[in-house]
Protein backbone atom coordinates (compact mmCIF):
# COMPACT_ATOMS: atom_id res chain seq x y z
CA MET A 1 0.00 0.00 0.00
CA ASN A 2 1.44 3.35 -1.05
CA THR A 3 0.87 6.05 1.57
CA THR A 4 3.24 8.65 0.17
CA SER A 5 0.69 10.01 -2.31
CA SER A 6 -1.62 11.09 0.52
CA ARG A 7 1.23 13.06 2.12
CA THR A 8 2.39 14.82 -1.04
CA ALA A 9 -0.97 16.29 -2.05
CA PRO A 10 -1.19 18.85 0.81
CA SER A 11 2.49 19.73 0.45
CA ARG A 12 2.03 20.35 -3.28
CA THR A 13 -0.91 22.62 -2.53
CA ALA A 14 1.09 24.45 0.12
CA GLY A 15 4.03 24.76 -2.26
CA GLY A 16 1.75 26.25 -4.87
CA ALA A 17 0.54 28.77 -2.31
CA GLY A 18 4.13 29.77 -1.64
CA CYS A 19 4.79 30.25 -5.34
CA LEU A 20 1.64 32.34 -5.70
CA LEU A 21 2.79 34.45 -2.77
CA ALA A 22 6.16 34.98 -4.47
CA LEU A 23 4.42 35.98 -7.73
CA LEU A 24 2.21 38.40 -5.83
CA GLY A 25 5.27 39.97 -4.23
CA ALA A 26 7.18 40.16 -7.52
CA ALA A 27 4.24 41.96 -9.12
CA SER A 28 3.15 44.26 -6.29
CA ALA A 29 6.55 45.59 -5.20
CA PRO A 30 7.40 47.15 -8.60
CA LEU A 31 3.86 48.48 -8.92
CA ALA A 32 4.20 50.25 -5.58
CA TRP A 33 7.67 51.51 -6.54
CA ALA A 34 6.87 52.75 -10.06
CA PRO A 35 5.14 56.08 -9.24
CA ARG A 36 8.19 57.27 -7.30
CA ALA A 37 10.57 56.28 -10.07
CA THR A 38 8.88 58.33 -12.78
CA SER A 39 10.74 61.50 -11.79
CA SER A 40 14.06 59.70 -12.27
CA ILE A 41 13.05 58.20 -15.60
CA TYR A 42 11.69 61.33 -17.22
CA GLY A 43 13.97 63.84 -15.49
CA GLY A 44 13.16 67.47 -14.92
CA PHE A 45 13.18 70.32 -17.38
CA GLU A 46 14.30 68.92 -20.74
CA GLY A 47 15.36 65.68 -19.03
CA GLU A 48 18.35 67.30 -17.29
CA GLN A 49 18.24 65.12 -14.19
CA ARG A 50 17.48 61.81 -15.81
CA ASP A 51 18.69 58.73 -13.94
CA LEU A 52 18.00 55.52 -15.84
CA SER A 53 19.80 53.38 -13.28
CA VAL A 54 16.44 52.97 -11.60
CA LEU A 55 15.44 50.74 -14.52
CA TYR A 56 18.47 48.47 -14.78
CA LEU A 57 19.52 48.42 -11.12
CA ASP A 58 16.65 49.27 -8.81
CA LEU A 59 13.77 47.60 -10.67
CA PRO A 60 15.30 44.09 -10.77
CA LEU A 61 16.34 44.32 -7.12
CA ILE A 62 12.90 45.45 -6.04
CA ALA A 63 11.20 42.69 -8.03
CA LEU A 64 13.61 40.10 -6.61
CA GLY A 65 13.12 41.35 -3.06
CA GLY A 66 9.36 41.42 -3.54
CA ALA A 67 9.46 37.77 -4.56
CA LEU A 68 12.02 36.46 -2.07
CA VAL A 69 11.03 38.19 1.19
CA PRO A 70 7.48 36.76 1.44
CA LEU A 71 8.63 33.40 0.08
CA LEU A 72 11.39 33.04 2.69
CA VAL A 73 9.05 34.08 5.50
CA TRP A 74 6.45 31.65 4.22
CA MET A 75 9.00 28.81 4.09
CA LEU A 76 10.32 29.47 7.60
CA THR A 77 6.85 29.81 9.10
CA SER A 78 5.56 26.66 7.42
CA ARG A 79 8.55 24.71 8.76
CA TRP A 80 8.19 26.08 12.28
CA THR A 81 4.43 25.83 12.64
CA GLY A 82 3.39 23.26 10.05
CA ARG A 83 0.23 25.25 9.35
CA PRO A 84 -0.12 26.58 5.81
CA TRP A 85 -2.62 29.30 6.76
CA ALA A 86 -0.22 30.75 9.34
CA ALA A 87 2.59 30.68 6.79
CA ALA A 88 0.42 32.47 4.24
CA LEU A 89 -0.53 35.16 6.77
CA ALA A 90 3.10 35.62 7.78
CA GLY A 91 4.14 35.87 4.12
CA LEU A 92 1.47 38.48 3.39
CA ALA A 93 2.48 40.43 6.49
CA ALA A 94 6.14 40.31 5.41
CA LEU A 95 5.18 41.48 1.93
CA SER A 96 3.14 44.40 3.22
CA LEU A 97 5.84 45.41 5.70
CA GLY A 98 8.48 45.10 2.99
CA ILE A 99 6.55 47.34 0.61
CA TRP A 100 5.91 49.84 3.38
CA GLY A 101 9.61 49.86 4.26
CA LEU A 102 10.55 50.26 0.60
CA LEU A 103 8.28 53.27 0.21
CA GLU A 104 9.55 54.84 3.42
CA TRP A 105 13.22 54.26 2.67
CA TRP A 106 13.61 54.64 -1.09
CA THR A 107 13.06 58.21 -2.22
CA PRO A 108 14.62 59.13 -5.55
CA GLN A 109 16.00 62.55 -6.27
CA HIS A 110 13.26 64.84 -7.51
CA PRO A 111 14.12 67.54 -10.01
CA PRO A 112 13.45 71.07 -8.81
CA SER A 113 10.20 72.55 -9.97
CA TYR A 114 8.78 76.01 -10.12
CA GLY A 115 8.23 77.39 -6.66
CA ASP A 116 10.95 75.38 -4.92
CA GLY A 117 13.42 77.46 -2.99
CA PRO A 118 13.80 81.20 -2.45
CA LEU A 119 12.31 83.68 -4.90
């Protein structure tokens, strides 16, 4: 009698939940980051302060961090507790805290606009 198939079905479902959580993080972190990066992409007046490093350096790191942080928290929590719902909640909490921390910490240089500074 083969009893291994009954044990692998819940773990496959839980593994799929972890992958979905990683995909959610990889998609939501750049979407939260993108509005702040527009000033660096387009620059200021006539594109004088353009910084395209946000596209080839910051964007891949933010997408990677958005995928890995909730996935690692999910993996550690599922190993410690053995409950997939607790791991999913911990992964979502880590994702939301990571995005909040990203938005609080990462502030690109904004080009000066009319009305900034002394007259």
